[in-house]
Amino acid sequence: MWFLATVGEKPKEKFSIPDNVWVEIVYNFALACHRKLMSREHIIKSLTPLYLGKVASFVIETWESTAAEVEQRLEELCIAFEKGKPYLVERWVEEEKEK
């Protein structure tokens, strides 16, 4: 994940985790749970700092937004998850076929 390697180079005011990157992170963690690559507790603990980073990114991005603008931003995030769903399904199904 090139993104995580470069995110620390930006000033904190410019910190941002794009929706497509967040979707890929969440879906990869879901796949790790499904494949039982490690304990679920360990996976969740590993996801926590990334989640907090996404929350910080969202707050920075919407700090001066109206409630309606924040709601629109959340809708955009939901759409990003919908658009990324084929990525998850394809890998989930691959795993099922290998069994």
N, C-alpha and C. Protein backbone atom coordinates (compact mmCIF):
# COMPACT_ATOMS: atom_id res chain seq x y z
N MET A 1 0.83 -1.19 0.00
CA MET A 1 0.00 0.00 0.00
C MET A 1 0.87 1.24 0.00
N TRP A 2 1.11 1.74 -1.17
CA TRP A 2 1.94 2.94 -1.33
C TRP A 2 1.40 4.09 -0.52
N PHE A 3 0.10 4.17 -0.37
CA PHE A 3 -0.52 5.30 0.32
C PHE A 3 -0.02 5.41 1.75
N LEU A 4 -0.03 4.30 2.47
CA LEU A 4 0.36 4.33 3.88
C LEU A 4 1.83 4.69 4.04
N ALA A 5 2.63 4.39 3.05
CA ALA A 5 4.05 4.72 3.12
C ALA A 5 4.30 6.22 2.96
N THR A 6 3.40 6.93 2.28
CA THR A 6 3.62 8.35 1.99
C THR A 6 2.76 9.29 2.82
N VAL A 7 1.77 8.78 3.51
CA VAL A 7 0.82 9.67 4.21
C VAL A 7 1.49 10.50 5.30
N GLY A 8 2.51 9.99 5.93
CA GLY A 8 3.18 10.71 7.01
C GLY A 8 4.02 11.89 6.54
N GLU A 9 4.22 12.00 5.26
CA GLU A 9 5.04 13.08 4.72
C GLU A 9 4.28 14.40 4.58
N LYS A 10 2.96 14.36 4.69
CA LYS A 10 2.15 15.56 4.51
C LYS A 10 1.97 16.28 5.84
N PRO A 11 1.77 17.62 5.80
CA PRO A 11 1.45 18.34 7.04
C PRO A 11 0.09 17.88 7.56
N LYS A 12 -0.10 17.96 8.87
CA LYS A 12 -1.33 17.42 9.46
C LYS A 12 -2.59 18.07 8.91
N GLU A 13 -2.51 19.31 8.47
CA GLU A 13 -3.69 19.99 7.93
C GLU A 13 -4.10 19.40 6.58
N LYS A 14 -3.18 18.73 5.92
CA LYS A 14 -3.44 18.13 4.60
C LYS A 14 -3.68 16.62 4.70
N PHE A 15 -3.66 16.09 5.92
CA PHE A 15 -3.84 14.65 6.10
C PHE A 15 -5.19 14.21 5.53
N SER A 16 -5.15 13.16 4.73
CA SER A 16 -6.38 12.68 4.11
C SER A 16 -6.23 11.21 3.74
N ILE A 17 -7.25 10.44 4.03
CA ILE A 17 -7.33 9.07 3.55
C ILE A 17 -8.47 9.04 2.55
N PRO A 18 -8.15 8.95 1.27
CA PRO A 18 -9.21 8.95 0.25
C PRO A 18 -10.17 7.77 0.44
N ASP A 19 -11.40 7.98 0.01
CA ASP A 19 -12.42 6.94 0.18
C ASP A 19 -12.01 5.62 -0.46
N ASN A 20 -11.46 5.66 -1.67
CA ASN A 20 -11.11 4.41 -2.34
C ASN A 20 -10.03 3.64 -1.57
N VAL A 21 -9.13 4.35 -0.94
CA VAL A 21 -8.09 3.70 -0.12
C VAL A 21 -8.73 3.10 1.13
N TRP A 22 -9.63 3.83 1.76
CA TRP A 22 -10.30 3.34 2.96
C TRP A 22 -11.12 2.09 2.64
N VAL A 23 -11.82 2.10 1.53
CA VAL A 23 -12.62 0.94 1.12
C VAL A 23 -11.72 -0.28 0.95
N GLU A 24 -10.60 -0.10 0.28
CA GLU A 24 -9.68 -1.22 0.06
C GLU A 24 -9.14 -1.75 1.40
N ILE A 25 -8.82 -0.85 2.30
CA ILE A 25 -8.33 -1.26 3.63
C ILE A 25 -9.39 -2.09 4.34
N VAL A 26 -10.60 -1.58 4.42
CA VAL A 26 -11.68 -2.28 5.13
C VAL A 26 -11.96 -3.63 4.49
N TYR A 27 -12.04 -3.67 3.17
CA TYR A 27 -12.33 -4.94 2.50
C TYR A 27 -11.18 -5.93 2.68
N ASN A 28 -9.95 -5.48 2.67
CA ASN A 28 -8.83 -6.39 2.90
C ASN A 28 -8.84 -6.94 4.33
N PHE A 29 -9.22 -6.13 5.28
CA PHE A 29 -9.33 -6.63 6.65
C PHE A 29 -10.48 -7.63 6.76
N ALA A 30 -11.58 -7.37 6.07
CA ALA A 30 -12.70 -8.32 6.07
C ALA A 30 -12.27 -9.65 5.47
N LEU A 31 -11.50 -9.59 4.40
CA LEU A 31 -10.99 -10.82 3.78
C LEU A 31 -10.04 -11.56 4.71
N ALA A 32 -9.22 -10.82 5.43
CA ALA A 32 -8.31 -11.44 6.39
C ALA A 32 -9.09 -12.18 7.47
N CYS A 33 -10.18 -11.58 7.93
CA CYS A 33 -11.04 -12.26 8.92
C CYS A 33 -11.65 -13.52 8.32
N HIS A 34 -12.18 -13.38 7.11
CA HIS A 34 -12.83 -14.51 6.44
C HIS A 34 -11.86 -15.66 6.23
N ARG A 35 -10.64 -15.34 5.86
CA ARG A 35 -9.63 -16.37 5.59
C ARG A 35 -8.95 -16.88 6.86
N LYS A 36 -9.28 -16.23 7.98
CA LYS A 36 -8.70 -16.61 9.28
C LYS A 36 -7.18 -16.58 9.23
N LEU A 37 -6.65 -15.48 8.67
CA LEU A 37 -5.20 -15.33 8.55
C LEU A 37 -4.53 -15.14 9.90
N MET A 38 -5.27 -14.58 10.84
CA MET A 38 -4.82 -14.44 12.22
C MET A 38 -6.07 -14.27 13.07
N SER A 39 -5.90 -14.15 14.36
CA SER A 39 -7.07 -14.06 15.22
C SER A 39 -7.86 -12.79 14.91
N ARG A 40 -9.15 -12.88 15.02
CA ARG A 40 -10.04 -11.74 14.75
C ARG A 40 -9.68 -10.57 15.66
N GLU A 41 -9.36 -10.86 16.91
CA GLU A 41 -8.99 -9.80 17.85
C GLU A 41 -7.76 -9.04 17.37
N HIS A 42 -6.77 -9.76 16.88
CA HIS A 42 -5.55 -9.12 16.37
C HIS A 42 -5.85 -8.26 15.14
N ILE A 43 -6.70 -8.78 14.26
CA ILE A 43 -7.07 -8.03 13.06
C ILE A 43 -7.77 -6.74 13.45
N ILE A 44 -8.70 -6.81 14.37
CA ILE A 44 -9.44 -5.61 14.79
C ILE A 44 -8.52 -4.61 15.47
N LYS A 45 -7.62 -5.10 16.31
CA LYS A 45 -6.66 -4.19 16.95
C LYS A 45 -5.76 -3.51 15.92
N SER A 46 -5.44 -4.23 14.85
CA SER A 46 -4.61 -3.65 13.79
C SER A 46 -5.37 -2.61 12.98
N LEU A 47 -6.67 -2.79 12.86
CA LEU A 47 -7.49 -1.86 12.09
C LEU A 47 -7.77 -0.57 12.86
N THR A 48 -7.76 -0.62 14.17
CA THR A 48 -8.13 0.53 15.00
C THR A 48 -7.36 1.80 14.67
N PRO A 49 -6.02 1.80 14.60
CA PRO A 49 -5.33 3.05 14.28
C PRO A 49 -5.66 3.58 12.89
N LEU A 50 -5.91 2.67 11.96
CA LEU A 50 -6.29 3.10 10.61
C LEU A 50 -7.67 3.74 10.63
N TYR A 51 -8.57 3.17 11.41
CA TYR A 51 -9.91 3.75 11.58
C TYR A 51 -9.82 5.15 12.18
N LEU A 52 -9.02 5.30 13.20
CA LEU A 52 -8.85 6.62 13.82
C LEU A 52 -8.26 7.61 12.82
N GLY A 53 -7.38 7.13 11.96
CA GLY A 53 -6.84 7.98 10.90
C GLY A 53 -7.92 8.42 9.93
N LYS A 54 -8.81 7.51 9.57
CA LYS A 54 -9.92 7.87 8.66
C LYS A 54 -10.85 8.87 9.33
N VAL A 55 -11.12 8.67 10.61
CA VAL A 55 -11.96 9.63 11.34
C VAL A 55 -11.30 11.01 11.33
N ALA A 56 -10.01 11.06 11.62
CA ALA A 56 -9.29 12.34 11.60
C ALA A 56 -9.34 12.97 10.22
N SER A 57 -9.16 12.17 9.20
CA SER A 57 -9.23 12.65 7.82
C SER A 57 -10.60 13.25 7.53
N PHE A 58 -11.64 12.57 7.96
CA PHE A 58 -13.01 13.04 7.73
C PHE A 58 -13.27 14.35 8.47
N VAL A 59 -12.81 14.43 9.70
CA VAL A 59 -12.99 15.66 10.49
C VAL A 59 -12.26 16.83 9.84
N ILE A 60 -11.03 16.62 9.43
CA ILE A 60 -10.27 17.68 8.76
C ILE A 60 -11.00 18.13 7.50
N GLU A 61 -11.48 17.17 6.74
CA GLU A 61 -12.14 17.47 5.47
C GLU A 61 -13.46 18.22 5.66
N THR A 62 -14.19 17.90 6.71
CA THR A 62 -15.54 18.46 6.88
C THR A 62 -15.64 19.50 7.99
N TRP A 63 -14.52 19.92 8.52
CA TRP A 63 -14.50 20.82 9.68
C TRP A 63 -15.39 22.05 9.51
N GLU A 64 -15.34 22.66 8.35
CA GLU A 64 -16.10 23.89 8.13
C GLU A 64 -17.37 23.64 7.31
N SER A 65 -17.79 22.41 7.19
CA SER A 65 -18.95 22.05 6.39
C SER A 65 -20.24 22.19 7.18
N THR A 66 -21.33 22.38 6.44
CA THR A 66 -22.65 22.39 7.06
C THR A 66 -23.08 20.94 7.29
N ALA A 67 -24.15 20.76 8.06
CA ALA A 67 -24.67 19.42 8.31
C ALA A 67 -25.05 18.73 7.00
N ALA A 68 -25.64 19.48 6.09
CA ALA A 68 -26.03 18.91 4.79
C ALA A 68 -24.80 18.48 3.99
N GLU A 69 -23.74 19.25 4.04
CA GLU A 69 -22.51 18.90 3.33
C GLU A 69 -21.86 17.66 3.93
N VAL A 70 -21.90 17.55 5.25
CA VAL A 70 -21.35 16.36 5.91
C VAL A 70 -22.17 15.14 5.52
N GLU A 71 -23.48 15.29 5.49
CA GLU A 71 -24.34 14.18 5.09
C GLU A 71 -24.04 13.75 3.65
N GLN A 72 -23.83 14.72 2.78
CA GLN A 72 -23.48 14.42 1.39
C GLN A 72 -22.14 13.68 1.32
N ARG A 73 -21.21 14.10 2.13
CA ARG A 73 -19.89 13.45 2.18
C ARG A 73 -20.01 12.00 2.63
N LEU A 74 -20.87 11.75 3.63
CA LEU A 74 -21.10 10.38 4.08
C LEU A 74 -21.73 9.54 2.97
N GLU A 75 -22.63 10.14 2.22
CA GLU A 75 -23.25 9.43 1.10
C GLU A 75 -22.19 9.06 0.06
N GLU A 76 -21.26 9.95 -0.19
CA GLU A 76 -20.16 9.66 -1.13
C GLU A 76 -19.32 8.48 -0.64
N LEU A 77 -19.10 8.43 0.67
CA LEU A 77 -18.34 7.31 1.23
C LEU A 77 -19.11 6.00 1.04
N CYS A 78 -20.40 6.04 1.27
CA CYS A 78 -21.23 4.84 1.06
C CYS A 78 -21.17 4.38 -0.39
N ILE A 79 -21.21 5.32 -1.31
CA ILE A 79 -21.13 4.99 -2.73
C ILE A 79 -19.77 4.36 -3.06
N ALA A 80 -18.72 4.86 -2.43
CA ALA A 80 -17.39 4.27 -2.63
C ALA A 80 -17.37 2.81 -2.19
N PHE A 81 -18.03 2.50 -1.08
CA PHE A 81 -18.11 1.10 -0.64
C PHE A 81 -18.91 0.27 -1.63
N GLU A 82 -19.98 0.83 -2.17
CA GLU A 82 -20.77 0.10 -3.17
C GLU A 82 -19.95 -0.16 -4.43
N LYS A 83 -19.21 0.85 -4.88
CA LYS A 83 -18.39 0.69 -6.08
C LYS A 83 -17.26 -0.32 -5.86
N GLY A 84 -16.77 -0.41 -4.64
CA GLY A 84 -15.67 -1.33 -4.33
C GLY A 84 -16.11 -2.74 -4.04
N LYS A 85 -17.40 -2.97 -3.94
CA LYS A 85 -17.90 -4.29 -3.56
C LYS A 85 -17.44 -5.41 -4.50
N PRO A 86 -17.36 -5.19 -5.82
CA PRO A 86 -16.86 -6.27 -6.68
C PRO A 86 -15.45 -6.75 -6.28
N TYR A 87 -14.62 -5.84 -5.81
CA TYR A 87 -13.28 -6.20 -5.32
C TYR A 87 -13.39 -7.22 -4.19
N LEU A 88 -14.28 -6.97 -3.25
CA LEU A 88 -14.47 -7.87 -2.11
C LEU A 88 -15.07 -9.20 -2.57
N VAL A 89 -16.12 -9.13 -3.35
CA VAL A 89 -16.82 -10.35 -3.77
C VAL A 89 -15.90 -11.26 -4.59
N GLU A 90 -15.15 -10.67 -5.50
CA GLU A 90 -14.24 -11.46 -6.34
C GLU A 90 -13.24 -12.22 -5.49
N ARG A 91 -12.66 -11.58 -4.53
CA ARG A 91 -11.66 -12.24 -3.68
C ARG A 91 -12.30 -13.22 -2.70
N TRP A 92 -13.48 -12.90 -2.25
CA TRP A 92 -14.21 -13.79 -1.34
C TRP A 92 -14.54 -15.09 -2.07
N VAL A 93 -15.02 -14.96 -3.31
CA VAL A 93 -15.39 -16.13 -4.11
C VAL A 93 -14.15 -16.94 -4.48
N GLU A 94 -13.05 -16.28 -4.80
CA GLU A 94 -11.80 -16.99 -5.09
C GLU A 94 -11.43 -17.91 -3.94
N GLU A 95 -11.57 -17.40 -2.74
CA GLU A 95 -11.24 -18.18 -1.55
C GLU A 95 -12.15 -19.40 -1.45
N GLU A 96 -13.43 -19.22 -1.73
CA GLU A 96 -14.38 -20.32 -1.64
C GLU A 96 -14.07 -21.40 -2.68
N LYS A 97 -13.65 -20.98 -3.88
CA LYS A 97 -13.32 -21.93 -4.95
C LYS A 97 -12.09 -22.75 -4.61
N GLU A 98 -11.15 -22.16 -3.86
CA GLU A 98 -9.91 -22.85 -3.52
C GLU A 98 -10.11 -23.93 -2.46
N LYS A 99 -11.22 -23.88 -1.76
CA LYS A 99 -11.47 -24.86 -0.68
C LYS A 99 -11.86 -26.21 -1.23
